[in-house]
Amino acid sequence: MEHFVAWIAGSVTARFSGNPGVKKWLDRGVGTAFVGFGIKLATSHR
């Protein structure tokens, strides 16, 4: 499943990377996801 999501994300990025407005929103979305994963990791208990 993770490979499928990565493939879809790569396809979408490749298709819309020429449009600066879409690229800005993709960058924001990816940045938000990384921050969310970082917070989740920082607050998780072992």
N, C-alpha and C. Protein backbone atom coordinates (compact mmCIF):
# COMPACT_ATOMS: atom_id res chain seq x y z
N MET A 1 0.83 -1.19 0.00
CA MET A 1 0.00 0.00 0.00
C MET A 1 0.87 1.26 0.00
N GLU A 2 1.96 1.24 0.77
CA GLU A 2 2.81 2.42 0.85
C GLU A 2 3.46 2.73 -0.49
N HIS A 3 3.81 1.68 -1.24
CA HIS A 3 4.41 1.90 -2.56
C HIS A 3 3.40 2.55 -3.50
N PHE A 4 2.15 2.15 -3.39
CA PHE A 4 1.10 2.72 -4.22
C PHE A 4 0.93 4.21 -3.92
N VAL A 5 0.91 4.56 -2.64
CA VAL A 5 0.76 5.96 -2.25
C VAL A 5 1.95 6.78 -2.76
N ALA A 6 3.16 6.23 -2.62
CA ALA A 6 4.35 6.93 -3.11
C ALA A 6 4.29 7.10 -4.63
N TRP A 7 3.83 6.09 -5.33
CA TRP A 7 3.72 6.17 -6.79
C TRP A 7 2.72 7.25 -7.20
N ILE A 8 1.57 7.27 -6.54
CA ILE A 8 0.54 8.28 -6.83
C ILE A 8 1.09 9.68 -6.53
N ALA A 9 1.76 9.85 -5.39
CA ALA A 9 2.30 11.15 -5.03
C ALA A 9 3.35 11.61 -6.05
N GLY A 10 4.18 10.69 -6.50
CA GLY A 10 5.17 11.04 -7.51
C GLY A 10 4.54 11.42 -8.83
N SER A 11 3.50 10.71 -9.21
CA SER A 11 2.80 11.01 -10.46
C SER A 11 2.14 12.39 -10.41
N VAL A 12 1.50 12.69 -9.30
CA VAL A 12 0.84 13.98 -9.15
C VAL A 12 1.87 15.10 -9.15
N THR A 13 2.97 14.89 -8.44
CA THR A 13 4.02 15.91 -8.40
C THR A 13 4.62 16.15 -9.77
N ALA A 14 4.88 15.09 -10.50
CA ALA A 14 5.46 15.23 -11.84
C ALA A 14 4.50 15.96 -12.78
N ARG A 15 3.23 15.67 -12.66
CA ARG A 15 2.24 16.27 -13.56
C ARG A 15 2.06 17.76 -13.29
N PHE A 16 2.07 18.15 -12.02
CA PHE A 16 1.75 19.54 -11.67
C PHE A 16 2.95 20.38 -11.29
N SER A 17 4.15 19.84 -11.42
CA SER A 17 5.33 20.59 -10.97
C SER A 17 5.61 21.82 -11.82
N GLY A 18 5.08 21.88 -13.02
CA GLY A 18 5.29 23.04 -13.87
C GLY A 18 4.46 24.25 -13.47
N ASN A 19 3.41 24.03 -12.70
CA ASN A 19 2.53 25.11 -12.28
C ASN A 19 2.98 25.63 -10.91
N PRO A 20 3.46 26.87 -10.82
CA PRO A 20 3.99 27.39 -9.55
C PRO A 20 2.97 27.41 -8.41
N GLY A 21 1.72 27.70 -8.73
CA GLY A 21 0.70 27.75 -7.67
C GLY A 21 0.45 26.38 -7.08
N VAL A 22 0.37 25.37 -7.93
CA VAL A 22 0.15 24.01 -7.45
C VAL A 22 1.38 23.52 -6.70
N LYS A 23 2.56 23.86 -7.19
CA LYS A 23 3.79 23.44 -6.52
C LYS A 23 3.86 24.01 -5.11
N LYS A 24 3.44 25.26 -4.94
CA LYS A 24 3.45 25.88 -3.62
C LYS A 24 2.54 25.12 -2.66
N TRP A 25 1.35 24.75 -3.12
CA TRP A 25 0.42 24.02 -2.26
C TRP A 25 0.89 22.60 -1.98
N LEU A 26 1.53 21.96 -2.96
CA LEU A 26 2.11 20.63 -2.72
C LEU A 26 3.21 20.72 -1.67
N ASP A 27 4.07 21.73 -1.77
CA ASP A 27 5.13 21.91 -0.79
C ASP A 27 4.56 22.14 0.61
N ARG A 28 3.52 22.93 0.68
CA ARG A 28 2.88 23.17 1.98
C ARG A 28 2.28 21.89 2.56
N GLY A 29 1.64 21.13 1.70
CA GLY A 29 1.04 19.87 2.17
C GLY A 29 2.08 18.88 2.66
N VAL A 30 3.16 18.75 1.91
CA VAL A 30 4.23 17.84 2.32
C VAL A 30 4.89 18.34 3.60
N GLY A 31 5.11 19.63 3.70
CA GLY A 31 5.69 20.19 4.92
C GLY A 31 4.81 19.96 6.12
N THR A 32 3.52 20.14 5.96
CA THR A 32 2.57 19.91 7.05
C THR A 32 2.58 18.45 7.47
N ALA A 33 2.66 17.54 6.48
CA ALA A 33 2.70 16.11 6.81
C ALA A 33 3.96 15.78 7.60
N PHE A 34 5.11 16.31 7.20
CA PHE A 34 6.35 16.04 7.92
C PHE A 34 6.30 16.60 9.35
N VAL A 35 5.75 17.79 9.51
CA VAL A 35 5.62 18.36 10.85
C VAL A 35 4.69 17.49 11.69
N GLY A 36 3.59 17.05 11.11
CA GLY A 36 2.67 16.17 11.83
C GLY A 36 3.32 14.86 12.24
N PHE A 37 4.08 14.25 11.33
CA PHE A 37 4.78 13.01 11.67
C PHE A 37 5.82 13.25 12.76
N GLY A 38 6.49 14.39 12.71
CA GLY A 38 7.48 14.73 13.73
C GLY A 38 6.84 14.89 15.10
N ILE A 39 5.71 15.56 15.15
CA ILE A 39 4.99 15.72 16.41
C ILE A 39 4.51 14.38 16.94
N LYS A 40 4.00 13.55 16.05
CA LYS A 40 3.55 12.23 16.46
C LYS A 40 4.71 11.41 17.02
N LEU A 41 5.84 11.47 16.35
CA LEU A 41 7.02 10.75 16.81
C LEU A 41 7.52 11.29 18.15
N ALA A 42 7.51 12.61 18.30
CA ALA A 42 8.00 13.22 19.53
C ALA A 42 7.08 12.91 20.72
N THR A 43 5.81 12.73 20.48
CA THR A 43 4.87 12.49 21.58
C THR A 43 4.55 11.02 21.80
N SER A 44 5.11 10.14 20.96
CA SER A 44 4.81 8.71 21.12
C SER A 44 5.62 8.13 22.28
N HIS A 45 5.03 7.15 22.91
CA HIS A 45 5.68 6.46 24.01
C HIS A 45 6.17 5.10 23.53
N ARG A 46 7.29 4.69 24.03
CA ARG A 46 7.83 3.37 23.63
C ARG A 46 7.28 2.29 24.48
